[in-house]
Amino acid sequence: MKDLTRILFLCLLLIGAQDLAAQYRYGYLKVGVSTGMTNYLGDLDDDLTIRFPRSGFGASVSYRMNPFMTARLNFFRGWARANDSVSVSPIRARRNLSFRTPITEFSAHFVFDFIASDRGYAYRPPFVPYVFGGIGIFSFNPQAQLNGQWYDLQPLGTEGQFLPNPLGIYPEPYNLTQVSIPMGTGVRFALARNLDLELEVGFRKTFTDYLDDVSGEYPDLEQLRATNPVAAILSDRMDRNLYPAGAAVVNGIRGDRTQTDWYIYSCVRVSYIIDWVKCYRPGNFLRR
């Protein structure tokens, strides 16, 4: 029995050593920074004409798990905006709403490479296309401008969120922290022994229709005006000289509640590979 135990123990050690050697063969850690452009898809997005890009930046930590797969932790900060008044759609131009919002995201991704890298990082392919998917959490805060001053829209309840609601016709106040599903594609170039360059487009599916503070119907504007005059103005911004009836012109429809909003981060990322074999030192038993 003792001999069998020793044999099993030696087998486990051998398997562990093989796994460790494999990790040192293709497993590595890298850190990266990115900069790029943010866009948004929603009720004010002008049908994917991408007329309202804003800047964004980020940082990431990645670990190569196997020849095809990398795990990545990602931080992203960007901004989104849109303005009905310059829309190519006459319906949106008549509605005349606008917004801006910061977006702060923390997410975890799995990155799948289409070309395997089964040796040390120094021998990784010079060019690799990839796709990624994951889960994230993000915060936002839509604002609109009135007379040169910016107002946070969520506390105003522009669709009646804070009005008396005995019949349940108004939505509940939306949360400014939400879950997103990041997904996208990119290409990676090996610039130097320890340096990668990535060009990436990432879509973020959200589960809120209020990234732009627009979703369903106009509230009772007289009731909203009595409660908060600024909220009423920012809820219905149609030109009263052209449309005296205001929201009645569109049967009270303010947005499309059947679709949730998205945001997009297109970026250039530079990543540095940390040579942990050199950092490990004791024995330095396997070199790249």
C-alpha atoms as a PDB file:
ATOM      1  CA  MET A   1       0.000   0.000   0.000  1.00  0.00           C
ATOM      2  CA  LYS A   2       2.824   2.373   0.844  1.00  0.00           C
ATOM      3  CA  ASP A   3       4.473   1.622  -2.514  1.00  0.00           C
ATOM      4  CA  LEU A   4       1.176   2.289  -4.318  1.00  0.00           C
ATOM      5  CA  THR A   5       0.775   5.588  -2.452  1.00  0.00           C
ATOM      6  CA  ARG A   6       4.302   6.621  -3.432  1.00  0.00           C
ATOM      7  CA  ILE A   7       3.632   5.718  -7.077  1.00  0.00           C
ATOM      8  CA  LEU A   8       0.390   7.773  -7.098  1.00  0.00           C
ATOM      9  CA  PHE A   9       2.182  10.676  -5.442  1.00  0.00           C
ATOM     10  CA  LEU A  10       4.971  10.550  -8.030  1.00  0.00           C
ATOM     11  CA  CYS A  11       2.385  10.437 -10.835  1.00  0.00           C
ATOM     12  CA  LEU A  12       0.657  13.520  -9.422  1.00  0.00           C
ATOM     13  CA  LEU A  13       3.989  15.315  -9.189  1.00  0.00           C
ATOM     14  CA  LEU A  14       4.773  14.381 -12.782  1.00  0.00           C
ATOM     15  CA  ILE A  15       1.370  15.619 -14.010  1.00  0.00           C
ATOM     16  CA  GLY A  16       1.797  18.823 -12.029  1.00  0.00           C
ATOM     17  CA  ALA A  17       5.283  19.355 -13.433  1.00  0.00           C
ATOM     18  CA  GLN A  18       3.971  18.794 -16.953  1.00  0.00           C
ATOM     19  CA  ASP A  19       1.149  21.302 -16.412  1.00  0.00           C
ATOM     20  CA  LEU A  20       3.621  23.813 -14.990  1.00  0.00           C
ATOM     21  CA  ALA A  21       5.963  23.269 -17.909  1.00  0.00           C
ATOM     22  CA  ALA A  22       3.066  23.752 -20.303  1.00  0.00           C
ATOM     23  CA  GLN A  23       2.188  27.005 -18.584  1.00  0.00           C
ATOM     24  CA  TYR A  24       5.753  28.179 -18.957  1.00  0.00           C
ATOM     25  CA  ARG A  25       5.681  27.055 -22.575  1.00  0.00           C
ATOM     26  CA  TYR A  26       2.709  29.144 -23.718  1.00  0.00           C
ATOM     27  CA  GLY A  27       1.211  30.809 -20.634  1.00  0.00           C
ATOM     28  CA  TYR A  28       2.097  34.449 -20.034  1.00  0.00           C
ATOM     29  CA  LEU A  29       0.733  37.626 -18.509  1.00  0.00           C
ATOM     30  CA  LYS A  30       0.449  40.993 -20.227  1.00  0.00           C
ATOM     31  CA  VAL A  31      -0.835  44.458 -19.395  1.00  0.00           C
ATOM     32  CA  GLY A  32      -2.211  46.926 -21.888  1.00  0.00           C
ATOM     33  CA  VAL A  33      -3.583  50.415 -22.399  1.00  0.00           C
ATOM     34  CA  SER A  34      -6.006  51.503 -25.093  1.00  0.00           C
ATOM     35  CA  THR A  35      -7.485  54.601 -26.657  1.00  0.00           C
ATOM     36  CA  GLY A  36     -10.231  54.933 -29.200  1.00  0.00           C
ATOM     37  CA  MET A  37     -13.742  55.997 -30.050  1.00  0.00           C
ATOM     38  CA  THR A  38     -17.107  55.410 -28.367  1.00  0.00           C
ATOM     39  CA  ASN A  39     -20.445  55.220 -30.171  1.00  0.00           C
ATOM     40  CA  TYR A  40     -23.934  54.366 -29.018  1.00  0.00           C
ATOM     41  CA  LEU A  41     -26.978  52.620 -30.523  1.00  0.00           C
ATOM     42  CA  GLY A  42     -30.374  53.642 -29.233  1.00  0.00           C
ATOM     43  CA  ASP A  43     -33.385  55.882 -29.714  1.00  0.00           C
ATOM     44  CA  LEU A  44     -31.239  58.861 -30.766  1.00  0.00           C
ATOM     45  CA  ASP A  45     -28.569  57.019 -32.752  1.00  0.00           C
ATOM     46  CA  ASP A  46     -29.720  58.117 -36.240  1.00  0.00           C
ATOM     47  CA  ASP A  47     -29.967  54.582 -37.627  1.00  0.00           C
ATOM     48  CA  LEU A  48     -26.315  53.543 -37.346  1.00  0.00           C
ATOM     49  CA  THR A  49     -24.941  56.529 -39.233  1.00  0.00           C
ATOM     50  CA  ILE A  50     -22.407  56.864 -36.372  1.00  0.00           C
ATOM     51  CA  ARG A  51     -22.520  60.662 -36.456  1.00  0.00           C
ATOM     52  CA  PHE A  52     -21.787  61.180 -32.777  1.00  0.00           C
ATOM     53  CA  PRO A  53     -18.414  59.586 -31.887  1.00  0.00           C
ATOM     54  CA  ARG A  54     -16.741  60.435 -28.604  1.00  0.00           C
ATOM     55  CA  SER A  55     -13.374  59.526 -27.126  1.00  0.00           C
ATOM     56  CA  GLY A  56     -12.582  56.633 -24.822  1.00  0.00           C
ATOM     57  CA  PHE A  57      -9.651  54.985 -23.062  1.00  0.00           C
ATOM     58  CA  GLY A  58      -8.980  51.808 -21.143  1.00  0.00           C
ATOM     59  CA  ALA A  59      -6.596  49.394 -19.452  1.00  0.00           C
ATOM     60  CA  SER A  60      -6.419  45.613 -19.333  1.00  0.00           C
ATOM     61  CA  VAL A  61      -4.639  42.633 -17.769  1.00  0.00           C
ATOM     62  CA  SER A  62      -4.561  39.389 -19.770  1.00  0.00           C
ATOM     63  CA  TYR A  63      -3.405  35.844 -19.124  1.00  0.00           C
ATOM     64  CA  ARG A  64      -2.756  33.276 -21.857  1.00  0.00           C
ATOM     65  CA  MET A  65      -4.588  30.136 -20.708  1.00  0.00           C
ATOM     66  CA  ASN A  66      -3.908  27.764 -23.606  1.00  0.00           C
ATOM     67  CA  PRO A  67      -2.790  27.948 -27.258  1.00  0.00           C
ATOM     68  CA  PHE A  68      -6.111  29.478 -28.356  1.00  0.00           C
ATOM     69  CA  MET A  69      -7.615  31.165 -25.308  1.00  0.00           C
ATOM     70  CA  THR A  70      -6.805  34.238 -23.218  1.00  0.00           C
ATOM     71  CA  ALA A  71      -8.615  35.535 -20.129  1.00  0.00           C
ATOM     72  CA  ARG A  72      -8.773  39.335 -19.905  1.00  0.00           C
ATOM     73  CA  LEU A  73      -9.853  41.812 -17.235  1.00  0.00           C
ATOM     74  CA  ASN A  74     -10.741  45.144 -18.785  1.00  0.00           C
ATOM     75  CA  PHE A  75     -11.446  48.717 -17.627  1.00  0.00           C
ATOM     76  CA  PHE A  76     -13.000  51.215 -20.003  1.00  0.00           C
ATOM     77  CA  ARG A  77     -14.031  54.869 -19.690  1.00  0.00           C
ATOM     78  CA  GLY A  78     -15.850  56.595 -22.508  1.00  0.00           C
ATOM     79  CA  TRP A  79     -18.560  59.067 -23.398  1.00  0.00           C
ATOM     80  CA  ALA A  80     -21.646  58.874 -25.603  1.00  0.00           C
ATOM     81  CA  ARG A  81     -23.916  61.565 -27.007  1.00  0.00           C
ATOM     82  CA  ALA A  82     -26.557  62.203 -29.664  1.00  0.00           C
ATOM     83  CA  ASN A  83     -28.728  65.093 -30.823  1.00  0.00           C
ATOM     84  CA  ASP A  84     -32.057  64.855 -32.646  1.00  0.00           C
ATOM     85  CA  SER A  85     -31.736  68.370 -34.050  1.00  0.00           C
ATOM     86  CA  VAL A  86     -29.075  67.264 -36.551  1.00  0.00           C
ATOM     87  CA  SER A  87     -30.719  63.931 -37.357  1.00  0.00           C
ATOM     88  CA  VAL A  88     -31.317  62.885 -40.961  1.00  0.00           C
ATOM     89  CA  SER A  89     -34.718  61.593 -39.822  1.00  0.00           C
ATOM     90  CA  PRO A  90     -37.486  64.258 -39.856  1.00  0.00           C
ATOM     91  CA  ILE A  91     -39.314  62.379 -37.087  1.00  0.00           C
ATOM     92  CA  ARG A  92     -36.276  62.546 -34.790  1.00  0.00           C
ATOM     93  CA  ALA A  93     -35.557  66.150 -35.778  1.00  0.00           C
ATOM     94  CA  ARG A  94     -39.106  67.060 -34.732  1.00  0.00           C
ATOM     95  CA  ARG A  95     -38.673  65.297 -31.384  1.00  0.00           C
ATOM     96  CA  ASN A  96     -35.562  67.461 -30.739  1.00  0.00           C
ATOM     97  CA  LEU A  97     -34.150  65.513 -27.779  1.00  0.00           C
ATOM     98  CA  SER A  98     -30.444  65.302 -26.930  1.00  0.00           C
ATOM     99  CA  PHE A  99     -28.199  63.737 -24.324  1.00  0.00           C
ATOM    100  CA  ARG A 100     -24.663  63.007 -23.240  1.00  0.00           C
ATOM    101  CA  THR A 101     -23.404  60.443 -20.754  1.00  0.00           C
ATOM    102  CA  PRO A 102     -20.133  59.133 -19.344  1.00  0.00           C
ATOM    103  CA  ILE A 103     -19.710  55.351 -19.386  1.00  0.00           C
ATOM    104  CA  THR A 104     -17.441  53.509 -16.943  1.00  0.00           C
ATOM    105  CA  GLU A 105     -17.112  49.759 -17.404  1.00  0.00           C
ATOM    106  CA  PHE A 106     -15.354  46.874 -15.664  1.00  0.00           C
ATOM    107  CA  SER A 107     -15.560  43.570 -17.529  1.00  0.00           C
ATOM    108  CA  ALA A 108     -14.105  40.091 -17.912  1.00  0.00           C
ATOM    109  CA  HIS A 109     -13.508  38.633 -21.386  1.00  0.00           C
ATOM    110  CA  PHE A 110     -12.480  35.357 -22.937  1.00  0.00           C
ATOM    111  CA  VAL A 111     -10.475  35.967 -26.119  1.00  0.00           C
ATOM    112  CA  PHE A 112     -10.346  33.205 -28.742  1.00  0.00           C
ATOM    113  CA  ASP A 113      -7.507  33.328 -31.288  1.00  0.00           C
ATOM    114  CA  PHE A 114      -7.993  31.831 -34.747  1.00  0.00           C
ATOM    115  CA  ILE A 115      -4.270  30.990 -34.912  1.00  0.00           C
ATOM    116  CA  ALA A 116      -2.757  28.890 -32.133  1.00  0.00           C
ATOM    117  CA  SER A 117       0.222  30.023 -30.090  1.00  0.00           C
ATOM    118  CA  ASP A 118       1.521  26.802 -28.530  1.00  0.00           C
ATOM    119  CA  ARG A 119       5.083  27.884 -27.826  1.00  0.00           C
ATOM    120  CA  GLY A 120       6.671  30.643 -25.754  1.00  0.00           C
ATOM    121  CA  TYR A 121       5.555  34.193 -26.351  1.00  0.00           C
ATOM    122  CA  ALA A 122       8.776  34.947 -28.261  1.00  0.00           C
ATOM    123  CA  TYR A 123       7.515  32.541 -30.954  1.00  0.00           C
ATOM    124  CA  ARG A 124       3.893  33.738 -31.070  1.00  0.00           C
ATOM    125  CA  PRO A 125       2.401  34.348 -34.556  1.00  0.00           C
ATOM    126  CA  PRO A 126       3.090  37.816 -35.983  1.00  0.00           C
ATOM    127  CA  PHE A 127      -0.569  38.314 -36.933  1.00  0.00           C
ATOM    128  CA  VAL A 128      -3.637  36.839 -35.194  1.00  0.00           C
ATOM    129  CA  PRO A 129      -7.345  37.579 -35.771  1.00  0.00           C
ATOM    130  CA  TYR A 130      -9.542  36.969 -32.730  1.00  0.00           C
ATOM    131  CA  VAL A 131     -13.018  37.263 -31.255  1.00  0.00           C
ATOM    132  CA  PHE A 132     -14.022  37.865 -27.653  1.00  0.00           C
ATOM    133  CA  GLY A 133     -17.033  37.747 -25.359  1.00  0.00           C
ATOM    134  CA  GLY A 134     -17.692  38.167 -21.674  1.00  0.00           C
ATOM    135  CA  ILE A 135     -19.676  40.003 -19.051  1.00  0.00           C
ATOM    136  CA  GLY A 136     -19.346  43.479 -17.589  1.00  0.00           C
ATOM    137  CA  ILE A 137     -20.845  46.008 -15.244  1.00  0.00           C
ATOM    138  CA  PHE A 138     -21.065  49.666 -16.214  1.00  0.00           C
ATOM    139  CA  SER A 139     -22.311  52.969 -14.871  1.00  0.00           C
ATOM    140  CA  PHE A 140     -23.759  55.899 -16.802  1.00  0.00           C
ATOM    141  CA  ASN A 141     -25.514  59.213 -16.145  1.00  0.00           C
ATOM    142  CA  PRO A 142     -27.491  60.779 -19.025  1.00  0.00           C
ATOM    143  CA  GLN A 143     -27.610  64.580 -19.064  1.00  0.00           C
ATOM    144  CA  ALA A 144     -29.219  67.259 -21.222  1.00  0.00           C
ATOM    145  CA  GLN A 145     -28.460  70.948 -21.612  1.00  0.00           C
ATOM    146  CA  LEU A 146     -30.946  73.757 -21.017  1.00  0.00           C
ATOM    147  CA  ASN A 147     -30.011  77.449 -21.159  1.00  0.00           C
ATOM    148  CA  GLY A 148     -26.315  76.606 -20.932  1.00  0.00           C
ATOM    149  CA  GLN A 149     -26.701  74.358 -17.873  1.00  0.00           C
ATOM    150  CA  TRP A 150     -26.394  70.564 -17.822  1.00  0.00           C
ATOM    151  CA  TYR A 151     -29.029  68.590 -15.892  1.00  0.00           C
ATOM    152  CA  ASP A 152     -28.885  64.981 -14.726  1.00  0.00           C
ATOM    153  CA  LEU A 153     -31.923  63.386 -16.362  1.00  0.00           C
ATOM    154  CA  GLN A 154     -32.508  60.295 -14.241  1.00  0.00           C
ATOM    155  CA  PRO A 155     -33.549  62.249 -11.087  1.00  0.00           C
ATOM    156  CA  LEU A 156     -35.993  64.338 -13.161  1.00  0.00           C
ATOM    157  CA  GLY A 157     -38.122  61.399 -14.295  1.00  0.00           C
ATOM    158  CA  THR A 158     -38.715  62.684 -17.827  1.00  0.00           C
ATOM    159  CA  GLU A 159     -41.041  59.752 -18.585  1.00  0.00           C
ATOM    160  CA  GLY A 160     -43.021  60.090 -15.362  1.00  0.00           C
ATOM    161  CA  GLN A 161     -40.902  57.807 -13.165  1.00  0.00           C
ATOM    162  CA  PHE A 162     -41.520  59.918 -10.035  1.00  0.00           C
ATOM    163  CA  LEU A 163     -45.145  60.925 -10.664  1.00  0.00           C
ATOM    164  CA  PRO A 164     -48.039  59.359  -8.738  1.00  0.00           C
ATOM    165  CA  ASN A 165     -48.676  56.059 -10.476  1.00  0.00           C
ATOM    166  CA  PRO A 166     -51.822  54.333  -9.140  1.00  0.00           C
ATOM    167  CA  LEU A 167     -52.622  52.765 -12.536  1.00  0.00           C
ATOM    168  CA  GLY A 168     -49.055  51.575 -13.177  1.00  0.00           C
ATOM    169  CA  ILE A 169     -48.727  53.484 -16.450  1.00  0.00           C
ATOM    170  CA  TYR A 170     -45.310  54.976 -15.693  1.00  0.00           C
ATOM    171  CA  PRO A 171     -42.023  53.045 -15.550  1.00  0.00           C
ATOM    172  CA  GLU A 172     -39.968  52.609 -12.414  1.00  0.00           C
ATOM    173  CA  PRO A 173     -36.834  54.793 -12.031  1.00  0.00           C
ATOM    174  CA  TYR A 174     -33.972  53.164 -13.872  1.00  0.00           C
ATOM    175  CA  ASN A 175     -30.710  52.145 -12.237  1.00  0.00           C
ATOM    176  CA  LEU A 176     -27.534  54.000 -13.263  1.00  0.00           C
ATOM    177  CA  THR A 177     -25.458  50.825 -12.806  1.00  0.00           C
ATOM    178  CA  GLN A 178     -26.234  48.006 -15.216  1.00  0.00           C
ATOM    179  CA  VAL A 179     -24.905  44.720 -16.637  1.00  0.00           C
ATOM    180  CA  SER A 180     -23.517  44.521 -20.172  1.00  0.00           C
ATOM    181  CA  ILE A 181     -22.440  41.711 -22.495  1.00  0.00           C
ATOM    182  CA  PRO A 182     -19.185  42.681 -24.282  1.00  0.00           C
ATOM    183  CA  MET A 183     -18.495  40.984 -27.607  1.00  0.00           C
ATOM    184  CA  GLY A 184     -16.376  41.827 -30.591  1.00  0.00           C
ATOM    185  CA  THR A 185     -13.476  41.090 -32.869  1.00  0.00           C
ATOM    186  CA  GLY A 186      -9.954  42.312 -33.508  1.00  0.00           C
ATOM    187  CA  VAL A 187      -6.530  41.636 -34.919  1.00  0.00           C
ATOM    188  CA  ARG A 188      -3.258  41.415 -32.993  1.00  0.00           C
ATOM    189  CA  PHE A 189       0.219  42.209 -34.288  1.00  0.00           C
ATOM    190  CA  ALA A 190       3.475  41.216 -32.584  1.00  0.00           C
ATOM    191  CA  LEU A 191       5.496  44.433 -32.730  1.00  0.00           C
ATOM    192  CA  ALA A 192       8.470  43.225 -30.708  1.00  0.00           C
ATOM    193  CA  ARG A 193       9.494  40.390 -28.403  1.00  0.00           C
ATOM    194  CA  ASN A 194       7.397  41.753 -25.508  1.00  0.00           C
ATOM    195  CA  LEU A 195       5.038  44.119 -27.327  1.00  0.00           C
ATOM    196  CA  ASP A 196       1.664  43.595 -29.034  1.00  0.00           C
ATOM    197  CA  LEU A 197      -0.577  45.970 -30.960  1.00  0.00           C
ATOM    198  CA  GLU A 198      -4.308  45.236 -31.180  1.00  0.00           C
ATOM    199  CA  LEU A 199      -7.021  46.834 -33.327  1.00  0.00           C
ATOM    200  CA  GLU A 200     -10.401  45.988 -31.817  1.00  0.00           C
ATOM    201  CA  VAL A 201     -14.110  46.735 -32.192  1.00  0.00           C
ATOM    202  CA  GLY A 202     -16.231  45.796 -29.186  1.00  0.00           C
ATOM    203  CA  PHE A 203     -20.028  45.906 -28.975  1.00  0.00           C
ATOM    204  CA  ARG A 204     -21.723  46.061 -25.590  1.00  0.00           C
ATOM    205  CA  LYS A 205     -25.269  44.780 -25.318  1.00  0.00           C
ATOM    206  CA  THR A 206     -27.030  46.340 -22.352  1.00  0.00           C
ATOM    207  CA  PHE A 207     -30.254  45.443 -20.579  1.00  0.00           C
ATOM    208  CA  THR A 208     -31.496  49.016 -20.227  1.00  0.00           C
ATOM    209  CA  ASP A 209     -33.292  51.285 -22.693  1.00  0.00           C
ATOM    210  CA  TYR A 210     -32.327  54.394 -20.754  1.00  0.00           C
ATOM    211  CA  LEU A 211     -28.702  54.973 -21.723  1.00  0.00           C
ATOM    212  CA  ASP A 212     -30.111  58.051 -23.501  1.00  0.00           C
ATOM    213  CA  ASP A 213     -32.997  58.618 -21.005  1.00  0.00           C
ATOM    214  CA  VAL A 214     -35.486  57.823 -23.804  1.00  0.00           C
ATOM    215  CA  SER A 215     -37.603  54.681 -23.919  1.00  0.00           C
ATOM    216  CA  GLY A 216     -41.393  54.773 -24.060  1.00  0.00           C
ATOM    217  CA  GLU A 217     -44.074  57.448 -23.870  1.00  0.00           C
ATOM    218  CA  TYR A 218     -44.331  61.055 -22.785  1.00  0.00           C
ATOM    219  CA  PRO A 219     -45.867  61.470 -19.315  1.00  0.00           C
ATOM    220  CA  ASP A 220     -48.723  63.798 -18.440  1.00  0.00           C
ATOM    221  CA  LEU A 221     -46.748  66.966 -19.121  1.00  0.00           C
ATOM    222  CA  GLU A 222     -49.100  69.236 -17.154  1.00  0.00           C
ATOM    223  CA  GLN A 223     -48.698  67.020 -14.119  1.00  0.00           C
ATOM    224  CA  LEU A 224     -44.924  66.863 -14.630  1.00  0.00           C
ATOM    225  CA  ARG A 225     -44.750  70.641 -15.109  1.00  0.00           C
ATOM    226  CA  ALA A 226     -46.569  71.184 -11.819  1.00  0.00           C
ATOM    227  CA  THR A 227     -44.068  68.919 -10.089  1.00  0.00           C
ATOM    228  CA  ASN A 228     -40.879  70.033 -11.836  1.00  0.00           C
ATOM    229  CA  PRO A 229     -40.938  72.612 -14.696  1.00  0.00           C
ATOM    230  CA  VAL A 230     -37.379  71.720 -15.814  1.00  0.00           C
ATOM    231  CA  ALA A 231     -38.301  68.038 -16.088  1.00  0.00           C
ATOM    232  CA  ALA A 232     -41.284  68.929 -18.291  1.00  0.00           C
ATOM    233  CA  ILE A 233     -39.145  71.053 -20.629  1.00  0.00           C
ATOM    234  CA  LEU A 234     -36.481  68.347 -20.965  1.00  0.00           C
ATOM    235  CA  SER A 235     -39.129  65.678 -21.494  1.00  0.00           C
ATOM    236  CA  ASP A 236     -40.800  67.370 -24.482  1.00  0.00           C
ATOM    237  CA  ARG A 237     -38.558  69.695 -26.480  1.00  0.00           C
ATOM    238  CA  MET A 238     -40.605  70.014 -29.647  1.00  0.00           C
ATOM    239  CA  ASP A 239     -40.665  73.503 -31.125  1.00  0.00           C
ATOM    240  CA  ARG A 240     -44.036  74.889 -30.001  1.00  0.00           C
ATOM    241  CA  ASN A 241     -44.021  77.395 -32.867  1.00  0.00           C
ATOM    242  CA  LEU A 242     -44.102  74.485 -35.316  1.00  0.00           C
ATOM    243  CA  TYR A 243     -45.905  71.895 -33.186  1.00  0.00           C
ATOM    244  CA  PRO A 244     -48.210  73.650 -30.688  1.00  0.00           C
ATOM    245  CA  ALA A 245     -49.763  70.364 -29.591  1.00  0.00           C
ATOM    246  CA  GLY A 246     -46.390  68.947 -28.516  1.00  0.00           C
ATOM    247  CA  ALA A 247     -46.431  65.256 -27.628  1.00  0.00           C
ATOM    248  CA  ALA A 248     -49.975  64.851 -28.951  1.00  0.00           C
ATOM    249  CA  VAL A 249     -48.563  65.167 -32.490  1.00  0.00           C
ATOM    250  CA  VAL A 250     -46.910  61.762 -32.101  1.00  0.00           C
ATOM    251  CA  ASN A 251     -49.667  60.169 -29.977  1.00  0.00           C
ATOM    252  CA  GLY A 252     -47.481  60.463 -26.910  1.00  0.00           C
ATOM    253  CA  ILE A 253     -44.781  58.143 -28.287  1.00  0.00           C
ATOM    254  CA  ARG A 254     -41.321  59.281 -27.185  1.00  0.00           C
ATOM    255  CA  GLY A 255     -39.089  56.264 -27.948  1.00  0.00           C
ATOM    256  CA  ASP A 256     -39.056  52.558 -28.801  1.00  0.00           C
ATOM    257  CA  ARG A 257     -39.257  50.510 -25.624  1.00  0.00           C
ATOM    258  CA  THR A 258     -38.980  47.207 -27.530  1.00  0.00           C
ATOM    259  CA  GLN A 259     -35.201  47.507 -28.002  1.00  0.00           C
ATOM    260  CA  THR A 260     -32.470  48.052 -25.443  1.00  0.00           C
ATOM    261  CA  ASP A 261     -29.472  50.339 -26.001  1.00  0.00           C
ATOM    262  CA  TRP A 262     -25.936  49.370 -27.007  1.00  0.00           C
ATOM    263  CA  TYR A 263     -22.583  51.115 -26.869  1.00  0.00           C
ATOM    264  CA  ILE A 264     -19.444  50.447 -28.908  1.00  0.00           C
ATOM    265  CA  TYR A 265     -15.764  50.887 -28.119  1.00  0.00           C
ATOM    266  CA  SER A 266     -13.383  50.799 -31.108  1.00  0.00           C
ATOM    267  CA  CYS A 267      -9.805  51.029 -29.935  1.00  0.00           C
ATOM    268  CA  VAL A 268      -6.101  50.627 -30.467  1.00  0.00           C
ATOM    269  CA  ARG A 269      -4.432  48.712 -27.621  1.00  0.00           C
ATOM    270  CA  VAL A 270      -0.733  48.384 -26.873  1.00  0.00           C
ATOM    271  CA  SER A 271       0.167  45.496 -24.544  1.00  0.00           C
ATOM    272  CA  TYR A 272       3.414  44.593 -22.798  1.00  0.00           C
ATOM    273  CA  ILE A 273       4.191  40.924 -22.070  1.00  0.00           C
ATOM    274  CA  ILE A 274       5.628  40.314 -18.610  1.00  0.00           C
ATOM    275  CA  ASP A 275       8.448  37.760 -18.754  1.00  0.00           C
ATOM    276  CA  TRP A 276       7.717  35.911 -15.556  1.00  0.00           C
ATOM    277  CA  VAL A 277      10.298  33.223 -16.295  1.00  0.00           C
ATOM    278  CA  LYS A 278      12.966  35.839 -15.765  1.00  0.00           C
ATOM    279  CA  CYS A 279      11.049  37.179 -12.778  1.00  0.00           C
ATOM    280  CA  TYR A 280      10.685  33.670 -11.307  1.00  0.00           C
ATOM    281  CA  ARG A 281      14.446  33.126 -10.991  1.00  0.00           C
ATOM    282  CA  PRO A 282      14.698  30.009  -8.738  1.00  0.00           C
ATOM    283  CA  GLY A 283      16.468  27.711 -11.182  1.00  0.00           C
ATOM    284  CA  ASN A 284      14.974  29.547 -14.173  1.00  0.00           C
ATOM    285  CA  PHE A 285      14.322  25.978 -15.255  1.00  0.00           C
ATOM    286  CA  LEU A 286      12.804  26.744 -18.634  1.00  0.00           C
ATOM    287  CA  ARG A 287      13.746  29.614 -20.847  1.00  0.00           C
ATOM    288  CA  ARG A 288      11.834  31.018 -23.760  1.00  0.00           C
END
